[in-house]
Amino acid sequence: MAAKGYLTESLLDDLINITQSDTTYIQKKCLHLREHQLLWRPSKESWNIKEILAHLNSYSEYYNDLLIKKLNKHKTKVSKEYFVSSPLGRSAWKSMKLGRANNVKRKFRATKPYNPTLSPELITEDVMERFLNHQEEMVSILETAKVANLKKIKIPMSISKLIRLRMGDALMFITYHTERHVQQIKNTINHPKFPKK
């Protein structure tokens, strides 16, 4: 990070790389899994792979449409060379970002509309295909954001529409949130008791 903030294009390229890496992992490691593997959970409190993907899909369904609408409405197609986080935005995405050892630093309980254990209707048969489509859409959103003012556009958060983040902060929050849960899937698959067949 430079003294002025983040170089906008570099920041968005980093977020694109994370998104593509998450997508590749799910394609390589999860598409071939059987139903009992997708439903296996490391503990009673843990989510299984299907639940994690359903949670991520519920987030994407809220944020992706909103981001696309905001970008389409944004008239000044001028990007700023640097993006500076707001204190609120930095706090939001830092709370989601994995630690250096890819560990989760703070745990949060998902609210009912985004929690597959409280809202089981979130778990659909095509949960994985939907996740991959959302990720592809997110790459397109991040590319489009390269010609937008990431400080000027405000995005209302899913937990409360009254809390609005700068678009740059919102994009970091969403990407790090997805990365955090893909790491959760990695931990599940790498668990010594995960069914191998």
Protein backbone atom coordinates (compact mmCIF):
# COMPACT_ATOMS: atom_id res chain seq x y z
CA MET A 1 0.00 0.00 0.00
CA ALA A 2 1.38 3.41 -0.99
CA ALA A 3 1.15 6.47 1.26
CA LYS A 4 -1.77 7.71 -0.89
CA GLY A 5 -3.62 4.38 -0.61
CA TYR A 6 -3.79 1.45 -2.99
CA LEU A 7 -2.94 1.65 -6.68
CA THR A 8 -6.44 1.06 -8.08
CA GLU A 9 -5.48 -1.21 -10.97
CA SER A 10 -3.09 -3.31 -8.84
CA LEU A 11 -5.72 -3.68 -6.12
CA LEU A 12 -8.38 -4.85 -8.59
CA ASP A 13 -5.91 -7.22 -10.28
CA ASP A 14 -5.13 -8.75 -6.85
CA LEU A 15 -8.86 -9.24 -6.20
CA ILE A 16 -9.30 -10.80 -9.66
CA ASN A 17 -6.43 -13.23 -8.95
CA ILE A 18 -7.99 -14.26 -5.61
CA THR A 19 -11.40 -14.75 -7.27
CA GLN A 20 -9.92 -16.84 -10.10
CA SER A 21 -7.85 -18.89 -7.66
CA ASP A 22 -10.98 -19.65 -5.56
CA THR A 23 -12.87 -20.63 -8.72
CA THR A 24 -10.09 -22.95 -9.92
CA TYR A 25 -9.92 -24.65 -6.52
CA ILE A 26 -13.67 -25.41 -6.47
CA GLN A 27 -13.55 -26.67 -10.08
CA LYS A 28 -10.59 -28.98 -9.40
CA LYS A 29 -11.42 -30.21 -5.90
CA CYS A 30 -15.21 -30.13 -5.55
CA LEU A 31 -16.92 -30.74 -8.89
CA HIS A 32 -16.22 -34.50 -8.75
CA LEU A 33 -17.20 -34.96 -5.08
CA ARG A 34 -20.12 -37.23 -4.22
CA GLU A 35 -23.16 -36.18 -2.24
CA HIS A 36 -22.00 -37.76 1.05
CA GLN A 37 -18.67 -35.91 0.76
CA LEU A 38 -20.42 -32.60 0.08
CA LEU A 39 -22.61 -33.16 3.14
CA TRP A 40 -19.80 -34.26 5.50
CA ARG A 41 -19.00 -31.85 8.32
CA PRO A 42 -15.90 -31.79 10.58
CA SER A 43 -18.05 -31.10 13.68
CA LYS A 44 -21.72 -30.64 14.60
CA GLU A 45 -21.31 -26.85 14.55
CA SER A 46 -19.45 -26.73 11.21
CA TRP A 47 -21.05 -26.15 7.86
CA ASN A 48 -20.62 -28.77 5.12
CA ILE A 49 -19.36 -27.85 1.63
CA LYS A 50 -22.87 -27.41 0.21
CA GLU A 51 -23.82 -25.08 3.06
CA ILE A 52 -20.67 -22.98 2.61
CA LEU A 53 -21.36 -22.59 -1.12
CA ALA A 54 -25.03 -21.77 -0.44
CA HIS A 55 -23.93 -19.06 2.01
CA LEU A 56 -21.55 -17.59 -0.58
CA ASN A 57 -24.28 -17.71 -3.25
CA SER A 58 -26.67 -15.79 -1.00
CA TYR A 59 -24.02 -13.06 -0.60
CA SER A 60 -23.32 -12.96 -4.36
CA GLU A 61 -27.02 -12.69 -5.13
CA TYR A 62 -27.20 -9.59 -2.96
CA TYR A 63 -23.92 -7.92 -3.92
CA ASN A 64 -23.34 -8.82 -7.59
CA ASP A 65 -26.59 -7.27 -8.89
CA LEU A 66 -26.07 -4.21 -6.72
CA LEU A 67 -22.48 -3.72 -7.92
CA ILE A 68 -23.52 -4.09 -11.58
CA LYS A 69 -26.36 -1.55 -11.16
CA LYS A 70 -24.08 0.94 -9.39
CA LEU A 71 -21.36 0.60 -12.05
CA ASN A 72 -23.89 1.02 -14.87
CA LYS A 73 -25.37 4.12 -13.21
CA HIS A 74 -21.98 5.67 -12.46
CA LYS A 75 -21.61 8.38 -15.08
CA THR A 76 -18.04 9.64 -14.52
CA LYS A 77 -16.18 6.73 -16.11
CA VAL A 78 -12.95 8.02 -14.62
CA SER A 79 -10.86 5.90 -12.31
CA LYS A 80 -8.62 7.45 -9.70
CA GLU A 81 -5.03 6.21 -9.71
CA TYR A 82 -5.20 5.50 -5.99
CA PHE A 83 -7.98 4.14 -3.78
CA VAL A 84 -8.07 5.13 -0.11
CA SER A 85 -10.11 3.04 2.34
CA SER A 86 -12.42 4.70 4.84
CA PRO A 87 -11.85 3.72 8.51
CA LEU A 88 -15.17 1.81 8.46
CA GLY A 89 -14.30 0.08 5.19
CA ARG A 90 -10.83 -0.93 6.37
CA SER A 91 -12.33 -2.36 9.56
CA ALA A 92 -14.94 -4.33 7.51
CA TRP A 93 -12.54 -5.99 5.06
CA LYS A 94 -9.78 -6.52 7.63
CA SER A 95 -12.26 -8.50 9.75
CA MET A 96 -12.73 -10.86 6.76
CA LYS A 97 -9.13 -11.11 5.53
CA LEU A 98 -7.31 -14.34 6.33
CA GLY A 99 -4.19 -14.22 8.49
CA ARG A 100 -0.72 -14.93 7.12
CA ALA A 101 -1.13 -18.66 7.80
CA ASN A 102 -4.52 -18.62 5.96
CA ASN A 103 -6.20 -18.75 9.35
CA VAL A 104 -9.49 -17.12 10.31
CA LYS A 105 -8.71 -14.39 12.85
CA ARG A 106 -12.29 -13.56 13.87
CA LYS A 107 -15.40 -15.69 13.60
CA PHE A 108 -18.84 -14.27 12.82
CA ARG A 109 -22.31 -15.77 12.91
CA ALA A 110 -24.15 -15.31 9.62
CA THR A 111 -27.56 -13.66 9.88
CA LYS A 112 -30.66 -15.73 9.02
CA PRO A 113 -31.11 -14.67 5.35
CA TYR A 114 -27.50 -15.77 4.64
CA ASN A 115 -27.27 -18.74 7.02
CA PRO A 116 -28.04 -22.13 5.39
CA THR A 117 -28.61 -23.85 8.75
CA LEU A 118 -31.32 -21.29 9.62
CA SER A 119 -32.54 -20.89 6.01
CA PRO A 120 -32.13 -24.36 4.41
CA GLU A 121 -33.91 -23.17 1.24
CA LEU A 122 -30.58 -21.50 0.33
CA ILE A 123 -29.17 -24.97 -0.46
CA THR A 124 -30.06 -25.75 -4.07
CA GLU A 125 -29.16 -28.72 -6.27
CA ASP A 126 -27.08 -26.50 -8.54
CA VAL A 127 -25.25 -24.83 -5.63
CA MET A 128 -21.80 -25.40 -7.17
CA GLU A 129 -22.68 -24.24 -10.69
CA ARG A 130 -24.24 -21.12 -9.22
CA PHE A 131 -21.11 -20.42 -7.19
CA LEU A 132 -18.90 -20.75 -10.29
CA ASN A 133 -21.22 -18.47 -12.31
CA HIS A 134 -21.18 -15.85 -9.53
CA GLN A 135 -17.38 -15.95 -9.43
CA GLU A 136 -17.17 -15.47 -13.19
CA GLU A 137 -19.55 -12.53 -12.85
CA MET A 138 -17.38 -11.08 -10.06
CA VAL A 139 -14.30 -11.13 -12.31
CA SER A 140 -16.29 -9.14 -14.88
CA ILE A 141 -17.41 -6.68 -12.14
CA LEU A 142 -13.80 -6.20 -10.99
CA GLU A 143 -12.67 -5.56 -14.58
CA THR A 144 -15.47 -3.01 -15.09
CA ALA A 145 -14.55 -1.31 -11.79
CA LYS A 146 -11.16 -0.36 -13.29
CA VAL A 147 -12.85 2.60 -15.01
CA ALA A 148 -14.93 3.72 -12.02
CA ASN A 149 -14.27 5.99 -9.06
CA LEU A 150 -14.07 3.42 -6.25
CA LYS A 151 -14.28 6.10 -3.57
CA LYS A 152 -17.31 7.91 -4.92
CA ILE A 153 -19.67 4.93 -5.43
CA LYS A 154 -21.24 3.71 -2.17
CA ILE A 155 -22.48 0.16 -1.56
CA PRO A 156 -25.04 -0.60 1.20
CA MET A 157 -23.99 -3.66 3.20
CA SER A 158 -26.10 -6.80 3.40
CA ILE A 159 -26.31 -6.71 7.22
CA SER A 160 -27.72 -3.17 7.21
CA LYS A 161 -28.58 -0.96 4.24
CA LEU A 162 -27.75 2.04 6.47
CA ILE A 163 -24.06 1.03 6.50
CA ARG A 164 -22.55 2.05 3.17
CA LEU A 165 -19.01 1.27 2.08
CA ARG A 166 -16.91 2.84 -0.63
CA MET A 167 -16.98 0.52 -3.63
CA GLY A 168 -13.27 -0.29 -3.26
CA ASP A 169 -13.80 -1.36 0.35
CA ALA A 170 -16.93 -3.34 -0.59
CA LEU A 171 -15.03 -5.22 -3.33
CA MET A 172 -12.27 -6.12 -0.86
CA PHE A 173 -14.82 -7.16 1.77
CA ILE A 174 -16.68 -9.44 -0.69
CA THR A 175 -13.51 -11.00 -2.16
CA TYR A 176 -11.90 -11.66 1.23
CA HIS A 177 -15.20 -13.06 2.54
CA THR A 178 -15.31 -15.57 -0.36
CA GLU A 179 -11.61 -16.43 0.09
CA ARG A 180 -12.22 -17.04 3.81
CA HIS A 181 -14.99 -19.56 3.08
CA VAL A 182 -13.07 -21.30 0.28
CA GLN A 183 -10.32 -21.77 2.88
CA GLN A 184 -13.00 -23.33 5.10
CA ILE A 185 -13.77 -25.79 2.25
CA LYS A 186 -10.03 -26.54 1.90
CA ASN A 187 -9.84 -27.25 5.63
CA THR A 188 -12.84 -29.59 5.34
CA ILE A 189 -11.37 -31.54 2.41
CA ASN A 190 -7.95 -31.73 4.12
CA HIS A 191 -9.48 -32.96 7.38
CA PRO A 192 -8.06 -36.42 8.30
CA LYS A 193 -11.60 -37.82 8.65
CA PHE A 194 -12.95 -36.41 5.38
CA PRO A 195 -14.40 -39.37 3.39
CA LYS A 196 -11.95 -40.15 0.58
CA LYS A 197 -14.47 -41.98 -1.61
